[in-house]
Amino acid sequence: MPADYDLDELYANTYTEQDRRAFETQPESSKKFLVAWSLALFLGPIGAQRYYLGYLPTAVLKTSMFCAGVVLMILGLPNAGLPLVGVVGAWTIVDLFLLLSGTMRDRADHRLQGFTRFGGICAAATVLVLVGWLIVALVIGTSSGVAG
């Protein structure tokens, strides 16, 4: 049966000129993609990009979870604080992917200004930053494990 399918025809031209025009005619937000992306990348755990895009309830929830996790760790309860910070970290990575895919829009569901121009560059920069953070975490983790 698989020989019956013409995969070239199935996957050819999946993003057509009509799709491009439909995307470009969608309403554009006054919010800038670069600002939202920068906020998500550097201040994501406190929900800065969500405040910027107008998602106040989830922004407040994200900020509260992060602050609660940090306070619990400061109080000497890492078993309670680390999971909260971990969930917020994962949520931040999901927010970055939503922004970079064009899925996250402003509160009025308008696409962000500059997404088509800067999306690819920002995606590459995001990968570099995340890999850099991973390397720093690995170096710190192995150094502290060796030291004692």
C-alpha atoms as a PDB file:
ATOM      1  CA  MET A   1       0.000   0.000   0.000  1.00  0.00           C
ATOM      2  CA  PRO A   2       2.720   2.599   0.703  1.00  0.00           C
ATOM      3  CA  ALA A   3       3.739   2.354  -2.934  1.00  0.00           C
ATOM      4  CA  ASP A   4       0.306   3.771  -3.836  1.00  0.00           C
ATOM      5  CA  TYR A   5       1.107   7.143  -2.230  1.00  0.00           C
ATOM      6  CA  ASP A   6       2.928   9.816  -4.177  1.00  0.00           C
ATOM      7  CA  LEU A   7       4.892  11.405  -1.333  1.00  0.00           C
ATOM      8  CA  ASP A   8       6.313  14.093  -3.596  1.00  0.00           C
ATOM      9  CA  GLU A   9       2.803  15.260  -4.402  1.00  0.00           C
ATOM     10  CA  LEU A  10       1.685  14.903  -0.788  1.00  0.00           C
ATOM     11  CA  TYR A  11       4.447  17.109   0.630  1.00  0.00           C
ATOM     12  CA  ALA A  12       5.049  19.445  -2.303  1.00  0.00           C
ATOM     13  CA  ASN A  13       4.091  23.094  -1.932  1.00  0.00           C
ATOM     14  CA  THR A  14       2.655  22.787   1.552  1.00  0.00           C
ATOM     15  CA  TYR A  15       3.182  26.520   2.110  1.00  0.00           C
ATOM     16  CA  THR A  16       1.646  28.170  -0.908  1.00  0.00           C
ATOM     17  CA  GLU A  17       1.454  31.746  -2.088  1.00  0.00           C
ATOM     18  CA  GLN A  18      -2.146  31.797  -0.905  1.00  0.00           C
ATOM     19  CA  ASP A  19      -0.976  30.806   2.600  1.00  0.00           C
ATOM     20  CA  ARG A  20       1.599  33.615   2.578  1.00  0.00           C
ATOM     21  CA  ARG A  21      -0.996  36.198   1.551  1.00  0.00           C
ATOM     22  CA  ALA A  22      -3.404  34.945   4.205  1.00  0.00           C
ATOM     23  CA  PHE A  23      -0.703  35.324   6.850  1.00  0.00           C
ATOM     24  CA  GLU A  24       0.252  38.814   5.708  1.00  0.00           C
ATOM     25  CA  THR A  25      -3.349  40.040   5.724  1.00  0.00           C
ATOM     26  CA  GLN A  26      -3.859  39.084   9.374  1.00  0.00           C
ATOM     27  CA  PRO A  27      -4.069  42.080  11.687  1.00  0.00           C
ATOM     28  CA  GLU A  28      -0.727  43.161  13.101  1.00  0.00           C
ATOM     29  CA  SER A  29      -0.253  44.111  16.723  1.00  0.00           C
ATOM     30  CA  SER A  30       1.367  47.260  18.013  1.00  0.00           C
ATOM     31  CA  LYS A  31       3.530  44.935  20.153  1.00  0.00           C
ATOM     32  CA  LYS A  32       6.971  44.145  18.780  1.00  0.00           C
ATOM     33  CA  PHE A  33       8.247  40.592  18.340  1.00  0.00           C
ATOM     34  CA  LEU A  34      11.831  41.517  19.289  1.00  0.00           C
ATOM     35  CA  VAL A  35      10.708  43.049  22.582  1.00  0.00           C
ATOM     36  CA  ALA A  36       8.551  40.047  23.477  1.00  0.00           C
ATOM     37  CA  TRP A  37      11.336  37.628  22.508  1.00  0.00           C
ATOM     38  CA  SER A  38      13.974  39.529  24.515  1.00  0.00           C
ATOM     39  CA  LEU A  39      11.724  39.634  27.551  1.00  0.00           C
ATOM     40  CA  ALA A  40      10.995  35.904  27.252  1.00  0.00           C
ATOM     41  CA  LEU A  41      14.654  35.007  26.836  1.00  0.00           C
ATOM     42  CA  PHE A  42      16.097  37.098  29.651  1.00  0.00           C
ATOM     43  CA  LEU A  43      13.182  37.750  32.036  1.00  0.00           C
ATOM     44  CA  GLY A  44      10.967  34.789  31.134  1.00  0.00           C
ATOM     45  CA  PRO A  45      10.851  33.193  34.591  1.00  0.00           C
ATOM     46  CA  ILE A  46       9.109  36.259  36.001  1.00  0.00           C
ATOM     47  CA  GLY A  47       6.644  36.343  33.096  1.00  0.00           C
ATOM     48  CA  ALA A  48       7.810  39.647  31.598  1.00  0.00           C
ATOM     49  CA  GLN A  49       6.738  38.757  28.032  1.00  0.00           C
ATOM     50  CA  ARG A  50       3.276  37.813  29.279  1.00  0.00           C
ATOM     51  CA  TYR A  51       2.902  41.196  30.991  1.00  0.00           C
ATOM     52  CA  TYR A  52       4.046  42.869  27.772  1.00  0.00           C
ATOM     53  CA  LEU A  53       1.580  40.947  25.586  1.00  0.00           C
ATOM     54  CA  GLY A  54      -1.326  41.538  27.985  1.00  0.00           C
ATOM     55  CA  TYR A  55      -1.744  38.075  29.511  1.00  0.00           C
ATOM     56  CA  LEU A  56      -1.974  39.373  33.089  1.00  0.00           C
ATOM     57  CA  PRO A  57      -3.502  36.358  34.895  1.00  0.00           C
ATOM     58  CA  THR A  58      -0.867  33.910  33.638  1.00  0.00           C
ATOM     59  CA  ALA A  59       1.894  36.500  34.084  1.00  0.00           C
ATOM     60  CA  VAL A  60       0.966  36.971  37.738  1.00  0.00           C
ATOM     61  CA  LEU A  61       0.766  33.180  38.207  1.00  0.00           C
ATOM     62  CA  LYS A  62       4.198  32.681  36.647  1.00  0.00           C
ATOM     63  CA  THR A  63       5.755  35.455  38.738  1.00  0.00           C
ATOM     64  CA  SER A  64       4.153  34.095  41.907  1.00  0.00           C
ATOM     65  CA  MET A  65       5.353  30.548  41.246  1.00  0.00           C
ATOM     66  CA  PHE A  66       8.901  31.721  40.564  1.00  0.00           C
ATOM     67  CA  CYS A  67       9.028  33.956  43.647  1.00  0.00           C
ATOM     68  CA  ALA A  68       7.542  31.221  45.843  1.00  0.00           C
ATOM     69  CA  GLY A  69      10.149  28.756  44.584  1.00  0.00           C
ATOM     70  CA  VAL A  70      13.013  31.152  45.258  1.00  0.00           C
ATOM     71  CA  VAL A  71      11.686  32.013  48.738  1.00  0.00           C
ATOM     72  CA  LEU A  72      11.291  28.329  49.601  1.00  0.00           C
ATOM     73  CA  MET A  73      14.866  27.629  48.518  1.00  0.00           C
ATOM     74  CA  ILE A  74      16.159  30.586  50.555  1.00  0.00           C
ATOM     75  CA  LEU A  75      14.266  29.260  53.582  1.00  0.00           C
ATOM     76  CA  GLY A  76      16.087  25.953  53.224  1.00  0.00           C
ATOM     77  CA  LEU A  77      13.305  23.968  51.568  1.00  0.00           C
ATOM     78  CA  PRO A  78      14.845  23.022  48.219  1.00  0.00           C
ATOM     79  CA  ASN A  79      12.576  19.979  47.851  1.00  0.00           C
ATOM     80  CA  ALA A  80       9.612  22.354  47.644  1.00  0.00           C
ATOM     81  CA  GLY A  81      11.269  25.272  45.858  1.00  0.00           C
ATOM     82  CA  LEU A  82      13.165  23.496  43.084  1.00  0.00           C
ATOM     83  CA  PRO A  83      10.087  21.869  41.520  1.00  0.00           C
ATOM     84  CA  LEU A  84       8.361  25.270  41.334  1.00  0.00           C
ATOM     85  CA  VAL A  85      11.386  26.880  39.704  1.00  0.00           C
ATOM     86  CA  GLY A  86      11.693  23.874  37.372  1.00  0.00           C
ATOM     87  CA  VAL A  87       8.074  24.177  36.252  1.00  0.00           C
ATOM     88  CA  VAL A  88       8.552  27.896  35.619  1.00  0.00           C
ATOM     89  CA  GLY A  89      11.738  27.152  33.660  1.00  0.00           C
ATOM     90  CA  ALA A  90       9.939  24.622  31.469  1.00  0.00           C
ATOM     91  CA  TRP A  91       7.065  27.084  31.022  1.00  0.00           C
ATOM     92  CA  THR A  92       9.567  29.726  29.912  1.00  0.00           C
ATOM     93  CA  ILE A  93      11.032  27.388  27.286  1.00  0.00           C
ATOM     94  CA  VAL A  94       7.526  26.599  26.025  1.00  0.00           C
ATOM     95  CA  ASP A  95       6.800  30.353  25.833  1.00  0.00           C
ATOM     96  CA  LEU A  96       9.973  30.833  23.787  1.00  0.00           C
ATOM     97  CA  PHE A  97       8.920  28.112  21.352  1.00  0.00           C
ATOM     98  CA  LEU A  98       5.427  29.618  21.096  1.00  0.00           C
ATOM     99  CA  LEU A  99       6.910  33.031  20.323  1.00  0.00           C
ATOM    100  CA  LEU A 100       9.400  31.669  17.791  1.00  0.00           C
ATOM    101  CA  SER A 101       6.708  29.680  15.991  1.00  0.00           C
ATOM    102  CA  GLY A 102       4.413  32.706  15.742  1.00  0.00           C
ATOM    103  CA  THR A 103       1.768  31.011  17.860  1.00  0.00           C
ATOM    104  CA  MET A 104       1.980  33.424  20.790  1.00  0.00           C
ATOM    105  CA  ARG A 105       0.265  36.666  19.869  1.00  0.00           C
ATOM    106  CA  ASP A 106      -0.932  39.668  21.794  1.00  0.00           C
ATOM    107  CA  ARG A 107      -4.074  39.726  23.932  1.00  0.00           C
ATOM    108  CA  ALA A 108      -6.222  40.712  20.912  1.00  0.00           C
ATOM    109  CA  ASP A 109      -4.837  37.719  18.935  1.00  0.00           C
ATOM    110  CA  HIS A 110      -2.904  39.897  16.502  1.00  0.00           C
ATOM    111  CA  ARG A 111       0.452  38.740  15.122  1.00  0.00           C
ATOM    112  CA  LEU A 112       3.481  40.545  16.490  1.00  0.00           C
ATOM    113  CA  GLN A 113       5.303  43.202  14.456  1.00  0.00           C
ATOM    114  CA  GLY A 114       8.586  41.976  13.025  1.00  0.00           C
ATOM    115  CA  PHE A 115       7.985  38.244  13.366  1.00  0.00           C
ATOM    116  CA  THR A 116       8.601  37.438   9.704  1.00  0.00           C
ATOM    117  CA  ARG A 117      11.724  39.585   9.619  1.00  0.00           C
ATOM    118  CA  PHE A 118      13.389  38.500  12.879  1.00  0.00           C
ATOM    119  CA  GLY A 119      11.921  35.064  13.672  1.00  0.00           C
ATOM    120  CA  GLY A 120      14.730  33.004  12.140  1.00  0.00           C
ATOM    121  CA  ILE A 121      17.544  35.098  13.597  1.00  0.00           C
ATOM    122  CA  CYS A 122      15.945  35.013  17.035  1.00  0.00           C
ATOM    123  CA  ALA A 123      15.467  31.247  16.829  1.00  0.00           C
ATOM    124  CA  ALA A 124      19.174  30.768  16.126  1.00  0.00           C
ATOM    125  CA  ALA A 125      20.122  33.152  18.942  1.00  0.00           C
ATOM    126  CA  THR A 126      17.774  31.326  21.313  1.00  0.00           C
ATOM    127  CA  VAL A 127      19.424  27.991  20.576  1.00  0.00           C
ATOM    128  CA  LEU A 128      22.864  29.523  21.188  1.00  0.00           C
ATOM    129  CA  VAL A 129      21.774  31.096  24.480  1.00  0.00           C
ATOM    130  CA  LEU A 130      20.100  27.898  25.729  1.00  0.00           C
ATOM    131  CA  VAL A 131      23.143  25.795  24.808  1.00  0.00           C
ATOM    132  CA  GLY A 132      25.366  28.355  26.547  1.00  0.00           C
ATOM    133  CA  TRP A 133      23.265  28.146  29.706  1.00  0.00           C
ATOM    134  CA  LEU A 134      23.422  24.356  29.553  1.00  0.00           C
ATOM    135  CA  ILE A 135      27.219  24.427  29.292  1.00  0.00           C
ATOM    136  CA  VAL A 136      27.490  26.860  32.215  1.00  0.00           C
ATOM    137  CA  ALA A 137      25.181  24.658  34.300  1.00  0.00           C
ATOM    138  CA  LEU A 138      27.230  21.565  33.461  1.00  0.00           C
ATOM    139  CA  VAL A 139      30.496  23.296  34.362  1.00  0.00           C
ATOM    140  CA  ILE A 140      29.089  24.596  37.658  1.00  0.00           C
ATOM    141  CA  GLY A 141      27.532  21.222  38.456  1.00  0.00           C
ATOM    142  CA  THR A 142      30.661  19.211  37.761  1.00  0.00           C
ATOM    143  CA  SER A 143      32.869  21.736  39.555  1.00  0.00           C
ATOM    144  CA  SER A 144      30.736  21.628  42.689  1.00  0.00           C
ATOM    145  CA  GLY A 145      30.596  17.822  42.520  1.00  0.00           C
ATOM    146  CA  VAL A 146      34.379  17.536  42.320  1.00  0.00           C
ATOM    147  CA  ALA A 147      34.989  20.180  44.978  1.00  0.00           C
ATOM    148  CA  GLY A 148      33.009  18.522  47.619  1.00  0.00           C
END
